[in-house]
Amino acid sequence: MRKNNIYIVIIILILFGCNSSPYNKLKYILDIKDIDFKSLNSGKYRGDFTHYTYEWEVEATVRDGKVTDIEIIKSHDSYLGIKAREVLDRVIDEQSLQVDCVTGATNASKAFLKSTENALEKGL
């Protein structure tokens, strides 16, 4: 009987533990606002986003109602975190936060978008 209880605990840990990382839940909890870039005031604005132990910070440069640059101040330097940086180019190209996330790096993409949103809100 005791052996069966150990097996049950192991199965529960496998089922719930594999996907329980707080990082894996980012894509479900992050809503990115639709900011009208044309209404932004010129300047440089910093924004950050922290989720548990993960931190992202960017500095967005706005000129004449356009985001011209987004500099990464702090990010998660995993392979997917580095890959997700492409999402910032999409923001600049499309002048919108409503862009597709980088395939395979959805969580880190959303975190970059959220930190950029937090920066741009300061320019409204």
PDB file of N, CA and C in Angstrom:
ATOM      1  N   MET A   1       0.824  -1.200   0.000  1.00  0.00           N
ATOM      2  CA  MET A   1       0.000   0.000   0.000  1.00  0.00           C
ATOM      3  C   MET A   1       0.864   1.260   0.000  1.00  0.00           C
ATOM      4  N   ARG A   2       1.914   1.254   0.788  1.00  0.00           N
ATOM      5  CA  ARG A   2       2.787   2.422   0.888  1.00  0.00           C
ATOM      6  C   ARG A   2       3.463   2.695  -0.446  1.00  0.00           C
ATOM      7  N   LYS A   3       3.841   1.641  -1.155  1.00  0.00           N
ATOM      8  CA  LYS A   3       4.476   1.764  -2.458  1.00  0.00           C
ATOM      9  C   LYS A   3       3.522   2.427  -3.453  1.00  0.00           C
ATOM     10  N   ASN A   4       2.248   2.076  -3.402  1.00  0.00           N
ATOM     11  CA  ASN A   4       1.243   2.662  -4.295  1.00  0.00           C
ATOM     12  C   ASN A   4       1.088   4.162  -4.050  1.00  0.00           C
ATOM     13  N   ASN A   5       1.142   4.569  -2.792  1.00  0.00           N
ATOM     14  CA  ASN A   5       1.042   5.996  -2.458  1.00  0.00           C
ATOM     15  C   ASN A   5       2.216   6.778  -3.036  1.00  0.00           C
ATOM     16  N   ILE A   6       3.400   6.188  -2.989  1.00  0.00           N
ATOM     17  CA  ILE A   6       4.585   6.849  -3.554  1.00  0.00           C
ATOM     18  C   ILE A   6       4.414   7.012  -5.058  1.00  0.00           C
ATOM     19  N   TYR A   7       3.908   5.990  -5.721  1.00  0.00           N
ATOM     20  CA  TYR A   7       3.684   6.071  -7.167  1.00  0.00           C
ATOM     21  C   TYR A   7       2.652   7.148  -7.505  1.00  0.00           C
ATOM     22  N   ILE A   8       1.624   7.254  -6.711  1.00  0.00           N
ATOM     23  CA  ILE A   8       0.590   8.270  -6.944  1.00  0.00           C
ATOM     24  C   ILE A   8       1.177   9.667  -6.801  1.00  0.00           C
ATOM     25  N   VAL A   9       1.993   9.865  -5.778  1.00  0.00           N
ATOM     26  CA  VAL A   9       2.632  11.172  -5.569  1.00  0.00           C
ATOM     27  C   VAL A   9       3.550  11.499  -6.747  1.00  0.00           C
ATOM     28  N   ILE A  10       4.305  10.540  -7.200  1.00  0.00           N
ATOM     29  CA  ILE A  10       5.204  10.757  -8.340  1.00  0.00           C
ATOM     30  C   ILE A  10       4.412  11.125  -9.591  1.00  0.00           C
ATOM     31  N   ILE A  11       3.327  10.437  -9.841  1.00  0.00           N
ATOM     32  CA  ILE A  11       2.501  10.733 -11.014  1.00  0.00           C
ATOM     33  C   ILE A  11       1.920  12.137 -10.925  1.00  0.00           C
ATOM     34  N   ILE A  12       1.452  12.522  -9.754  1.00  0.00           N
ATOM     35  CA  ILE A  12       0.901  13.874  -9.572  1.00  0.00           C
ATOM     36  C   ILE A  12       1.969  14.924  -9.809  1.00  0.00           C
ATOM     37  N   LEU A  13       3.163  14.697  -9.285  1.00  0.00           N
ATOM     38  CA  LEU A  13       4.252  15.648  -9.492  1.00  0.00           C
ATOM     39  C   LEU A  13       4.620  15.759 -10.965  1.00  0.00           C
ATOM     40  N   ILE A  14       4.618  14.656 -11.659  1.00  0.00           N
ATOM     41  CA  ILE A  14       4.934  14.685 -13.093  1.00  0.00           C
ATOM     42  C   ILE A  14       3.855  15.444 -13.854  1.00  0.00           C
ATOM     43  N   LEU A  15       2.609  15.151 -13.574  1.00  0.00           N
ATOM     44  CA  LEU A  15       1.504  15.786 -14.298  1.00  0.00           C
ATOM     45  C   LEU A  15       1.422  17.284 -14.051  1.00  0.00           C
ATOM     46  N   PHE A  16       1.606  17.708 -12.815  1.00  0.00           N
ATOM     47  CA  PHE A  16       1.437  19.113 -12.476  1.00  0.00           C
ATOM     48  C   PHE A  16       2.755  19.881 -12.417  1.00  0.00           C
ATOM     49  N   GLY A  17       3.836  19.196 -12.166  1.00  0.00           N
ATOM     50  CA  GLY A  17       5.122  19.857 -12.015  1.00  0.00           C
ATOM     51  C   GLY A  17       5.765  20.271 -13.321  1.00  0.00           C
ATOM     52  N   CYS A  18       5.520  19.555 -14.386  1.00  0.00           N
ATOM     53  CA  CYS A  18       6.187  19.837 -15.656  1.00  0.00           C
ATOM     54  C   CYS A  18       5.780  21.175 -16.240  1.00  0.00           C
ATOM     55  N   ASN A  19       4.584  21.586 -15.995  1.00  0.00           N
ATOM     56  CA  ASN A  19       4.107  22.826 -16.600  1.00  0.00           C
ATOM     57  C   ASN A  19       3.765  23.870 -15.536  1.00  0.00           C
ATOM     58  N   SER A  20       4.369  23.761 -14.377  1.00  0.00           N
ATOM     59  CA  SER A  20       3.985  24.664 -13.300  1.00  0.00           C
ATOM     60  C   SER A  20       4.916  25.860 -13.152  1.00  0.00           C
ATOM     61  N   SER A  21       5.915  25.969 -13.995  1.00  0.00           N
ATOM     62  CA  SER A  21       6.821  27.107 -13.915  1.00  0.00           C
ATOM     63  C   SER A  21       6.044  28.399 -14.107  1.00  0.00           C
ATOM     64  N   PRO A  22       6.324  29.416 -13.286  1.00  0.00           N
ATOM     65  CA  PRO A  22       5.641  30.704 -13.458  1.00  0.00           C
ATOM     66  C   PRO A  22       5.900  31.295 -14.836  1.00  0.00           C
ATOM     67  N   TYR A  23       7.064  30.998 -15.395  1.00  0.00           N
ATOM     68  CA  TYR A  23       7.410  31.508 -16.725  1.00  0.00           C
ATOM     69  C   TYR A  23       6.461  30.953 -17.785  1.00  0.00           C
ATOM     70  N   ASN A  24       6.040  29.689 -17.628  1.00  0.00           N
ATOM     71  CA  ASN A  24       5.145  29.070 -18.596  1.00  0.00           C
ATOM     72  C   ASN A  24       3.755  29.682 -18.582  1.00  0.00           C
ATOM     73  N   LYS A  25       3.397  30.391 -17.532  1.00  0.00           N
ATOM     74  CA  LYS A  25       2.055  30.939 -17.410  1.00  0.00           C
ATOM     75  C   LYS A  25       1.938  32.372 -17.924  1.00  0.00           C
ATOM     76  N   LEU A  26       3.037  32.974 -18.359  1.00  0.00           N
ATOM     77  CA  LEU A  26       3.013  34.365 -18.803  1.00  0.00           C
ATOM     78  C   LEU A  26       2.050  34.600 -19.947  1.00  0.00           C
ATOM     79  N   LYS A  27       2.039  33.711 -20.921  1.00  0.00           N
ATOM     80  CA  LYS A  27       1.210  33.946 -22.100  1.00  0.00           C
ATOM     81  C   LYS A  27      -0.279  33.985 -21.768  1.00  0.00           C
ATOM     82  N   TYR A  28      -0.653  33.430 -20.630  1.00  0.00           N
ATOM     83  CA  TYR A  28      -2.066  33.420 -20.253  1.00  0.00           C
ATOM     84  C   TYR A  28      -2.472  34.623 -19.425  1.00  0.00           C
ATOM     85  N   ILE A  29      -1.528  35.285 -18.773  1.00  0.00           N
ATOM     86  CA  ILE A  29      -1.906  36.369 -17.875  1.00  0.00           C
ATOM     87  C   ILE A  29      -1.616  37.753 -18.425  1.00  0.00           C
ATOM     88  N   LEU A  30      -0.950  37.826 -19.561  1.00  0.00           N
ATOM     89  CA  LEU A  30      -0.563  39.136 -20.072  1.00  0.00           C
ATOM     90  C   LEU A  30      -1.494  39.617 -21.168  1.00  0.00           C
ATOM     91  N   ASP A  31      -2.166  40.697 -20.894  1.00  0.00           N
ATOM     92  CA  ASP A  31      -2.940  41.410 -21.900  1.00  0.00           C
ATOM     93  C   ASP A  31      -2.137  42.640 -22.286  1.00  0.00           C
ATOM     94  N   ILE A  32      -1.922  42.827 -23.554  1.00  0.00           N
ATOM     95  CA  ILE A  32      -1.166  43.973 -24.029  1.00  0.00           C
ATOM     96  C   ILE A  32      -2.161  45.007 -24.552  1.00  0.00           C
ATOM     97  N   LYS A  33      -2.095  46.228 -24.003  1.00  0.00           N
ATOM     98  CA  LYS A  33      -3.009  47.290 -24.402  1.00  0.00           C
ATOM     99  C   LYS A  33      -2.671  47.802 -25.798  1.00  0.00           C
ATOM    100  N   ASP A  34      -3.666  48.336 -26.452  1.00  0.00           N
ATOM    101  CA  ASP A  34      -3.479  48.943 -27.765  1.00  0.00           C
ATOM    102  C   ASP A  34      -3.251  50.441 -27.569  1.00  0.00           C
ATOM    103  N   ILE A  35      -2.013  50.862 -27.654  1.00  0.00           N
ATOM    104  CA  ILE A  35      -1.657  52.274 -27.457  1.00  0.00           C
ATOM    105  C   ILE A  35      -1.590  52.963 -28.816  1.00  0.00           C
ATOM    106  N   ASP A  36      -2.204  54.135 -28.913  1.00  0.00           N
ATOM    107  CA  ASP A  36      -2.141  54.931 -30.139  1.00  0.00           C
ATOM    108  C   ASP A  36      -0.791  55.638 -30.178  1.00  0.00           C
ATOM    109  N   PHE A  37       0.110  55.133 -30.995  1.00  0.00           N
ATOM    110  CA  PHE A  37       1.465  55.674 -31.042  1.00  0.00           C
ATOM    111  C   PHE A  37       1.480  57.134 -31.475  1.00  0.00           C
ATOM    112  N   LYS A  38       0.527  57.549 -32.311  1.00  0.00           N
ATOM    113  CA  LYS A  38       0.499  58.925 -32.806  1.00  0.00           C
ATOM    114  C   LYS A  38       0.256  59.937 -31.686  1.00  0.00           C
ATOM    115  N   SER A  39      -0.304  59.475 -30.565  1.00  0.00           N
ATOM    116  CA  SER A  39      -0.590  60.383 -29.456  1.00  0.00           C
ATOM    117  C   SER A  39       0.563  60.450 -28.442  1.00  0.00           C
ATOM    118  N   LEU A  40       1.658  59.751 -28.725  1.00  0.00           N
ATOM    119  CA  LEU A  40       2.795  59.744 -27.800  1.00  0.00           C
ATOM    120  C   LEU A  40       3.601  61.028 -27.919  1.00  0.00           C
ATOM    121  N   ASN A  41       4.047  61.534 -26.789  1.00  0.00           N
ATOM    122  CA  ASN A  41       4.927  62.696 -26.756  1.00  0.00           C
ATOM    123  C   ASN A  41       6.362  62.249 -27.010  1.00  0.00           C
ATOM    124  N   SER A  42       7.123  63.087 -27.672  1.00  0.00           N
ATOM    125  CA  SER A  42       8.524  62.772 -27.946  1.00  0.00           C
ATOM    126  C   SER A  42       9.295  62.659 -26.644  1.00  0.00           C
ATOM    127  N   GLY A  43      10.235  61.730 -26.605  1.00  0.00           N
ATOM    128  CA  GLY A  43      11.072  61.538 -25.432  1.00  0.00           C
ATOM    129  C   GLY A  43      11.538  60.105 -25.327  1.00  0.00           C
ATOM    130  N   LYS A  44      12.251  59.829 -24.233  1.00  0.00           N
ATOM    131  CA  LYS A  44      12.708  58.476 -23.925  1.00  0.00           C
ATOM    132  C   LYS A  44      11.992  58.022 -22.663  1.00  0.00           C
ATOM    133  N   TYR A  45      11.441  56.823 -22.729  1.00  0.00           N
ATOM    134  CA  TYR A  45      10.641  56.319 -21.621  1.00  0.00           C
ATOM    135  C   TYR A  45      11.082  54.903 -21.261  1.00  0.00           C
ATOM    136  N   ARG A  46      11.291  54.691 -19.967  1.00  0.00           N
ATOM    137  CA  ARG A  46      11.653  53.354 -19.484  1.00  0.00           C
ATOM    138  C   ARG A  46      10.439  52.658 -18.908  1.00  0.00           C
ATOM    139  N   GLY A  47      10.386  51.386 -19.183  1.00  0.00           N
ATOM    140  CA  GLY A  47       9.328  50.565 -18.625  1.00  0.00           C
ATOM    141  C   GLY A  47       9.872  49.199 -18.282  1.00  0.00           C
ATOM    142  N   ASP A  48       9.289  48.600 -17.274  1.00  0.00           N
ATOM    143  CA  ASP A  48       9.752  47.269 -16.898  1.00  0.00           C
ATOM    144  C   ASP A  48       8.575  46.356 -16.634  1.00  0.00           C
ATOM    145  N   PHE A  49       8.896  45.095 -16.520  1.00  0.00           N
ATOM    146  CA  PHE A  49       7.907  44.079 -16.200  1.00  0.00           C
ATOM    147  C   PHE A  49       8.639  42.994 -15.429  1.00  0.00           C
ATOM    148  N   THR A  50       8.077  42.619 -14.289  1.00  0.00           N
ATOM    149  CA  THR A  50       8.654  41.566 -13.457  1.00  0.00           C
ATOM    150  C   THR A  50       7.591  40.515 -13.211  1.00  0.00           C
ATOM    151  N   HIS A  51       7.992  39.283 -13.370  1.00  0.00           N
ATOM    152  CA  HIS A  51       7.106  38.154 -13.093  1.00  0.00           C
ATOM    153  C   HIS A  51       7.935  37.135 -12.311  1.00  0.00           C
ATOM    154  N   TYR A  52       7.627  36.998 -11.038  1.00  0.00           N
ATOM    155  CA  TYR A  52       8.396  36.165 -10.119  1.00  0.00           C
ATOM    156  C   TYR A  52       9.850  36.632 -10.153  1.00  0.00           C
ATOM    157  N   THR A  53      10.785  35.783 -10.555  1.00  0.00           N
ATOM    158  CA  THR A  53      12.196  36.179 -10.566  1.00  0.00           C
ATOM    159  C   THR A  53      12.659  36.667 -11.931  1.00  0.00           C
ATOM    160  N   TYR A  54      11.769  36.717 -12.902  1.00  0.00           N
ATOM    161  CA  TYR A  54      12.131  37.145 -14.247  1.00  0.00           C
ATOM    162  C   TYR A  54      11.884  38.642 -14.386  1.00  0.00           C
ATOM    163  N   GLU A  55      12.853  39.355 -14.964  1.00  0.00           N
ATOM    164  CA  GLU A  55      12.734  40.807 -15.109  1.00  0.00           C
ATOM    165  C   GLU A  55      13.087  41.239 -16.529  1.00  0.00           C
ATOM    166  N   TRP A  56      12.311  42.180 -17.030  1.00  0.00           N
ATOM    167  CA  TRP A  56      12.573  42.796 -18.322  1.00  0.00           C
ATOM    168  C   TRP A  56      12.476  44.305 -18.144  1.00  0.00           C
ATOM    169  N   GLU A  57      13.345  45.045 -18.827  1.00  0.00           N
ATOM    170  CA  GLU A  57      13.282  46.500 -18.809  1.00  0.00           C
ATOM    171  C   GLU A  57      13.740  47.001 -20.174  1.00  0.00           C
ATOM    172  N   VAL A  58      13.010  47.968 -20.694  1.00  0.00           N
ATOM    173  CA  VAL A  58      13.351  48.565 -21.982  1.00  0.00           C
ATOM    174  C   VAL A  58      13.299  50.078 -21.879  1.00  0.00           C
ATOM    175  N   GLU A  59      13.931  50.737 -22.841  1.00  0.00           N
ATOM    176  CA  GLU A  59      13.816  52.182 -22.981  1.00  0.00           C
ATOM    177  C   GLU A  59      13.371  52.453 -24.409  1.00  0.00           C
ATOM    178  N   ALA A  60      12.200  53.050 -24.531  1.00  0.00           N
ATOM    179  CA  ALA A  60      11.632  53.355 -25.839  1.00  0.00           C
ATOM    180  C   ALA A  60      11.868  54.821 -26.176  1.00  0.00           C
ATOM    181  N   THR A  61      12.300  55.068 -27.398  1.00  0.00           N
ATOM    182  CA  THR A  61      12.504  56.428 -27.887  1.00  0.00           C
ATOM    183  C   THR A  61      11.359  56.776 -28.830  1.00  0.00           C
ATOM    184  N   VAL A  62      10.716  57.913 -28.551  1.00  0.00           N
ATOM    185  CA  VAL A  62       9.584  58.366 -29.361  1.00  0.00           C
ATOM    186  C   VAL A  62       9.945  59.716 -29.976  1.00  0.00           C
ATOM    187  N   ARG A  63       9.719  59.838 -31.276  1.00  0.00           N
ATOM    188  CA  ARG A  63       9.919  61.116 -31.969  1.00  0.00           C
ATOM    189  C   ARG A  63       8.730  61.362 -32.881  1.00  0.00           C
ATOM    190  N   ASP A  64       8.091  62.499 -32.690  1.00  0.00           N
ATOM    191  CA  ASP A  64       6.973  62.910 -33.543  1.00  0.00           C
ATOM    192  C   ASP A  64       5.913  61.818 -33.697  1.00  0.00           C
ATOM    193  N   GLY A  65       5.523  61.221 -32.585  1.00  0.00           N
ATOM    194  CA  GLY A  65       4.447  60.235 -32.608  1.00  0.00           C
ATOM    195  C   GLY A  65       4.837  58.893 -33.186  1.00  0.00           C
ATOM    196  N   LYS A  66       6.130  58.605 -33.257  1.00  0.00           N
ATOM    197  CA  LYS A  66       6.608  57.309 -33.745  1.00  0.00           C
ATOM    198  C   LYS A  66       7.652  56.750 -32.787  1.00  0.00           C
ATOM    199  N   VAL A  67       7.575  55.459 -32.561  1.00  0.00           N
ATOM    200  CA  VAL A  67       8.611  54.797 -31.780  1.00  0.00           C
ATOM    201  C   VAL A  67       9.760  54.518 -32.742  1.00  0.00           C
ATOM    202  N   THR A  68      10.917  55.117 -32.455  1.00  0.00           N
ATOM    203  CA  THR A  68      12.055  54.984 -33.359  1.00  0.00           C
ATOM    204  C   THR A  68      13.088  53.977 -32.878  1.00  0.00           C
ATOM    205  N   ASP A  69      13.063  53.652 -31.577  1.00  0.00           N
ATOM    206  CA  ASP A  69      14.040  52.706 -31.045  1.00  0.00           C
ATOM    207  C   ASP A  69      13.518  52.127 -29.741  1.00  0.00           C
ATOM    208  N   ILE A  70      13.841  50.872 -29.498  1.00  0.00           N
ATOM    209  CA  ILE A  70      13.549  50.245 -28.212  1.00  0.00           C
ATOM    210  C   ILE A  70      14.825  49.533 -27.786  1.00  0.00           C
ATOM    211  N   GLU A  71      15.425  50.061 -26.725  1.00  0.00           N
ATOM    212  CA  GLU A  71      16.680  49.499 -26.216  1.00  0.00           C
ATOM    213  C   GLU A  71      16.375  48.573 -25.051  1.00  0.00           C
ATOM    214  N   ILE A  72      16.997  47.421 -25.052  1.00  0.00           N
ATOM    215  CA  ILE A  72      16.825  46.458 -23.970  1.00  0.00           C
ATOM    216  C   ILE A  72      17.798  46.810 -22.854  1.00  0.00           C
ATOM    217  N   ILE A  73      17.256  47.077 -21.681  1.00  0.00           N
ATOM    218  CA  ILE A  73      18.067  47.390 -20.510  1.00  0.00           C
ATOM    219  C   ILE A  73      18.323  46.117 -19.706  1.00  0.00           C
ATOM    220  N   LYS A  74      17.282  45.302 -19.548  1.00  0.00           N
ATOM    221  CA  LYS A  74      17.391  44.062 -18.780  1.00  0.00           C
ATOM    222  C   LYS A  74      16.456  43.038 -19.389  1.00  0.00           C
ATOM    223  N   SER A  75      16.936  41.796 -19.488  1.00  0.00           N
ATOM    224  CA  SER A  75      16.069  40.739 -20.016  1.00  0.00           C
ATOM    225  C   SER A  75      16.545  39.386 -19.525  1.00  0.00           C
ATOM    226  N   HIS A  76      15.776  38.404 -19.866  1.00  0.00           N
ATOM    227  CA  HIS A  76      16.084  37.023 -19.547  1.00  0.00           C
ATOM    228  C   HIS A  76      16.964  36.507 -20.687  1.00  0.00           C
ATOM    229  N   ASP A  77      18.204  36.144 -20.405  1.00  0.00           N
ATOM    230  CA  ASP A  77      19.165  35.814 -21.451  1.00  0.00           C
ATOM    231  C   ASP A  77      19.214  34.341 -21.832  1.00  0.00           C
ATOM    232  N   SER A  78      18.091  33.682 -21.796  1.00  0.00           N
ATOM    233  CA  SER A  78      18.028  32.314 -22.293  1.00  0.00           C
ATOM    234  C   SER A  78      17.982  32.365 -23.823  1.00  0.00           C
ATOM    235  N   TYR A  79      18.085  31.232 -24.448  1.00  0.00           N
ATOM    236  CA  TYR A  79      18.002  31.172 -25.911  1.00  0.00           C
ATOM    237  C   TYR A  79      16.697  31.801 -26.401  1.00  0.00           C
ATOM    238  N   LEU A  80      15.574  31.429 -25.785  1.00  0.00           N
ATOM    239  CA  LEU A  80      14.283  31.964 -26.211  1.00  0.00           C
ATOM    240  C   LEU A  80      14.140  33.433 -25.856  1.00  0.00           C
ATOM    241  N   GLY A  81      14.734  33.846 -24.744  1.00  0.00           N
ATOM    242  CA  GLY A  81      14.717  35.259 -24.379  1.00  0.00           C
ATOM    243  C   GLY A  81      15.432  36.117 -25.404  1.00  0.00           C
ATOM    244  N   ILE A  82      16.525  35.606 -25.914  1.00  0.00           N
ATOM    245  CA  ILE A  82      17.280  36.326 -26.945  1.00  0.00           C
ATOM    246  C   ILE A  82      16.514  36.322 -28.262  1.00  0.00           C
ATOM    247  N   LYS A  83      15.939  35.180 -28.595  1.00  0.00           N
ATOM    248  CA  LYS A  83      15.143  35.067 -29.823  1.00  0.00           C
ATOM    249  C   LYS A  83      13.946  36.024 -29.802  1.00  0.00           C
ATOM    250  N   ALA A  84      13.337  36.191 -28.631  1.00  0.00           N
ATOM    251  CA  ALA A  84      12.131  37.016 -28.495  1.00  0.00           C
ATOM    252  C   ALA A  84      12.394  38.491 -28.740  1.00  0.00           C
ATOM    253  N   ARG A  85      13.632  38.912 -28.713  1.00  0.00           N
ATOM    254  CA  ARG A  85      13.956  40.325 -28.932  1.00  0.00           C
ATOM    255  C   ARG A  85      13.464  40.816 -30.293  1.00  0.00           C
ATOM    256  N   GLU A  86      13.284  39.890 -31.220  1.00  0.00           N
ATOM    257  CA  GLU A  86      12.770  40.236 -32.550  1.00  0.00           C
ATOM    258  C   GLU A  86      11.416  40.939 -32.466  1.00  0.00           C
ATOM    259  N   VAL A  87      10.650  40.660 -31.428  1.00  0.00           N
ATOM    260  CA  VAL A  87       9.324  41.258 -31.301  1.00  0.00           C
ATOM    261  C   VAL A  87       9.417  42.783 -31.223  1.00  0.00           C
ATOM    262  N   LEU A  88      10.511  43.291 -30.695  1.00  0.00           N
ATOM    263  CA  LEU A  88      10.682  44.743 -30.576  1.00  0.00           C
ATOM    264  C   LEU A  88      10.856  45.391 -31.951  1.00  0.00           C
ATOM    265  N   ASP A  89      11.516  44.688 -32.867  1.00  0.00           N
ATOM    266  CA  ASP A  89      11.614  45.183 -34.250  1.00  0.00           C
ATOM    267  C   ASP A  89      10.234  45.241 -34.894  1.00  0.00           C
ATOM    268  N   ARG A  90       9.397  44.267 -34.586  1.00  0.00           N
ATOM    269  CA  ARG A  90       8.033  44.248 -35.127  1.00  0.00           C
ATOM    270  C   ARG A  90       7.232  45.441 -34.615  1.00  0.00           C
ATOM    271  N   VAL A  91       7.423  45.787 -33.352  1.00  0.00           N
ATOM    272  CA  VAL A  91       6.732  46.944 -32.772  1.00  0.00           C
ATOM    273  C   VAL A  91       7.122  48.209 -33.539  1.00  0.00           C
ATOM    274  N   ILE A  92       8.405  48.372 -33.794  1.00  0.00           N
ATOM    275  CA  ILE A  92       8.883  49.561 -34.511  1.00  0.00           C
ATOM    276  C   ILE A  92       8.385  49.552 -35.955  1.00  0.00           C
ATOM    277  N   ASP A  93       8.469  48.411 -36.610  1.00  0.00           N
ATOM    278  CA  ASP A  93       8.036  48.318 -38.016  1.00  0.00           C
ATOM    279  C   ASP A  93       6.547  48.590 -38.183  1.00  0.00           C
ATOM    280  N   GLU A  94       5.745  48.047 -37.269  1.00  0.00           N
ATOM    281  CA  GLU A  94       4.288  48.170 -37.390  1.00  0.00           C
ATOM    282  C   GLU A  94       3.716  49.329 -36.580  1.00  0.00           C
ATOM    283  N   GLN A  95       4.552  49.984 -35.768  1.00  0.00           N
ATOM    284  CA  GLN A  95       4.106  51.080 -34.905  1.00  0.00           C
ATOM    285  C   GLN A  95       2.871  50.672 -34.107  1.00  0.00           C
ATOM    286  N   SER A  96       3.004  49.514 -33.484  1.00  0.00           N
ATOM    287  CA  SER A  96       1.905  48.961 -32.700  1.00  0.00           C
ATOM    288  C   SER A  96       2.446  47.911 -31.739  1.00  0.00           C
ATOM    289  N   LEU A  97       1.754  47.761 -30.621  1.00  0.00           N
ATOM    290  CA  LEU A  97       2.064  46.677 -29.696  1.00  0.00           C
ATOM    291  C   LEU A  97       1.290  45.416 -30.047  1.00  0.00           C
ATOM    292  N   GLN A  98       0.368  45.546 -30.985  1.00  0.00           N
ATOM    293  CA  GLN A  98      -0.466  44.411 -31.386  1.00  0.00           C
ATOM    294  C   GLN A  98       0.226  43.674 -32.531  1.00  0.00           C
ATOM    295  N   VAL A  99       1.347  43.052 -32.210  1.00  0.00           N
ATOM    296  CA  VAL A  99       2.144  42.328 -33.193  1.00  0.00           C
ATOM    297  C   VAL A  99       2.192  40.854 -32.807  1.00  0.00           C
ATOM    298  N   ASP A 100       2.556  40.027 -33.773  1.00  0.00           N
ATOM    299  CA  ASP A 100       2.702  38.600 -33.502  1.00  0.00           C
ATOM    300  C   ASP A 100       3.927  38.362 -32.632  1.00  0.00           C
ATOM    301  N   CYS A 101       3.778  37.441 -31.705  1.00  0.00           N
ATOM    302  CA  CYS A 101       4.913  37.041 -30.885  1.00  0.00           C
ATOM    303  C   CYS A 101       5.876  36.214 -31.737  1.00  0.00           C
ATOM    304  N   VAL A 102       7.097  36.107 -31.285  1.00  0.00           N
ATOM    305  CA  VAL A 102       8.095  35.301 -31.975  1.00  0.00           C
ATOM    306  C   VAL A 102       7.762  33.832 -31.737  1.00  0.00           C
ATOM    307  N   THR A 103       7.662  33.071 -32.807  1.00  0.00           N
ATOM    308  CA  THR A 103       7.312  31.666 -32.718  1.00  0.00           C
ATOM    309  C   THR A 103       8.308  30.929 -31.828  1.00  0.00           C
ATOM    310  N   GLY A 104       7.771  30.195 -30.868  1.00  0.00           N
ATOM    311  CA  GLY A 104       8.594  29.435 -29.952  1.00  0.00           C
ATOM    312  C   GLY A 104       9.057  30.239 -28.747  1.00  0.00           C
ATOM    313  N   ALA A 105       8.818  31.539 -28.770  1.00  0.00           N
ATOM    314  CA  ALA A 105       9.251  32.401 -27.664  1.00  0.00           C
ATOM    315  C   ALA A 105       8.110  33.325 -27.239  1.00  0.00           C
ATOM    316  N   THR A 106       6.926  32.775 -27.158  1.00  0.00           N
ATOM    317  CA  THR A 106       5.730  33.554 -26.848  1.00  0.00           C
ATOM    318  C   THR A 106       5.834  34.244 -25.499  1.00  0.00           C
ATOM    319  N   ASN A 107       6.268  33.520 -24.479  1.00  0.00           N
ATOM    320  CA  ASN A 107       6.318  34.095 -23.135  1.00  0.00           C
ATOM    321  C   ASN A 107       7.261  35.284 -23.058  1.00  0.00           C
ATOM    322  N   ALA A 108       8.455  35.119 -23.553  1.00  0.00           N
ATOM    323  CA  ALA A 108       9.428  36.211 -23.511  1.00  0.00           C
ATOM    324  C   ALA A 108       8.972  37.358 -24.412  1.00  0.00           C
ATOM    325  N   SER A 109       8.347  37.049 -25.545  1.00  0.00           N
ATOM    326  CA  SER A 109       7.815  38.099 -26.422  1.00  0.00           C
ATOM    327  C   SER A 109       6.785  38.937 -25.685  1.00  0.00           C
ATOM    328  N   LYS A 110       5.875  38.273 -24.988  1.00  0.00           N
ATOM    329  CA  LYS A 110       4.839  38.982 -24.236  1.00  0.00           C
ATOM    330  C   LYS A 110       5.457  39.849 -23.133  1.00  0.00           C
ATOM    331  N   ALA A 111       6.498  39.345 -22.496  1.00  0.00           N
ATOM    332  CA  ALA A 111       7.157  40.118 -21.445  1.00  0.00           C
ATOM    333  C   ALA A 111       7.817  41.366 -22.023  1.00  0.00           C
ATOM    334  N   PHE A 112       8.440  41.255 -23.191  1.00  0.00           N
ATOM    335  CA  PHE A 112       9.017  42.425 -23.855  1.00  0.00           C
ATOM    336  C   PHE A 112       7.913  43.411 -24.242  1.00  0.00           C
ATOM    337  N   LEU A 113       6.805  42.890 -24.734  1.00  0.00           N
ATOM    338  CA  LEU A 113       5.686  43.766 -25.113  1.00  0.00           C
ATOM    339  C   LEU A 113       5.127  44.487 -23.890  1.00  0.00           C
ATOM    340  N   LYS A 114       5.010  43.781 -22.779  1.00  0.00           N
ATOM    341  CA  LYS A 114       4.462  44.395 -21.562  1.00  0.00           C
ATOM    342  C   LYS A 114       5.398  45.477 -21.025  1.00  0.00           C
ATOM    343  N   SER A 115       6.692  45.228 -21.043  1.00  0.00           N
ATOM    344  CA  SER A 115       7.620  46.258 -20.562  1.00  0.00           C
ATOM    345  C   SER A 115       7.613  47.461 -21.500  1.00  0.00           C
ATOM    346  N   THR A 116       7.436  47.210 -22.794  1.00  0.00           N
ATOM    347  CA  THR A 116       7.345  48.324 -23.762  1.00  0.00           C
ATOM    348  C   THR A 116       6.052  49.098 -23.545  1.00  0.00           C
ATOM    349  N   GLU A 117       4.963  48.404 -23.301  1.00  0.00           N
ATOM    350  CA  GLU A 117       3.693  49.064 -22.992  1.00  0.00           C
ATOM    351  C   GLU A 117       3.847  49.957 -21.770  1.00  0.00           C
ATOM    352  N   ASN A 118       4.481  49.441 -20.734  1.00  0.00           N
ATOM    353  CA  ASN A 118       4.670  50.216 -19.505  1.00  0.00           C
ATOM    354  C   ASN A 118       5.528  51.443 -19.749  1.00  0.00           C
ATOM    355  N   ALA A 119       6.477  51.349 -20.664  1.00  0.00           N
ATOM    356  CA  ALA A 119       7.299  52.511 -21.020  1.00  0.00           C
ATOM    357  C   ALA A 119       6.470  53.534 -21.786  1.00  0.00           C
ATOM    358  N   LEU A 120       5.747  53.088 -22.794  1.00  0.00           N
ATOM    359  CA  LEU A 120       5.014  53.996 -23.667  1.00  0.00           C
ATOM    360  C   LEU A 120       3.866  54.704 -22.949  1.00  0.00           C
ATOM    361  N   GLU A 121       3.291  54.070 -21.964  1.00  0.00           N
ATOM    362  CA  GLU A 121       2.215  54.716 -21.199  1.00  0.00           C
ATOM    363  C   GLU A 121       2.711  55.993 -20.532  1.00  0.00           C
ATOM    364  N   LYS A 122       3.982  56.062 -20.252  1.00  0.00           N
ATOM    365  CA  LYS A 122       4.547  57.275 -19.639  1.00  0.00           C
ATOM    366  C   LYS A 122       4.619  58.418 -20.642  1.00  0.00           C
ATOM    367  N   GLY A 123       4.531  58.103 -21.927  1.00  0.00           N
ATOM    368  CA  GLY A 123       4.607  59.128 -22.961  1.00  0.00           C
ATOM    369  C   GLY A 123       3.255  59.629 -23.434  1.00  0.00           C
ATOM    370  N   LEU A 124       2.189  59.171 -22.806  1.00  0.00           N
ATOM    371  CA  LEU A 124       0.846  59.610 -23.223  1.00  0.00           C
ATOM    372  C   LEU A 124       0.497  60.951 -22.596  1.00  0.00           C
TER     373      LEU A 124
END
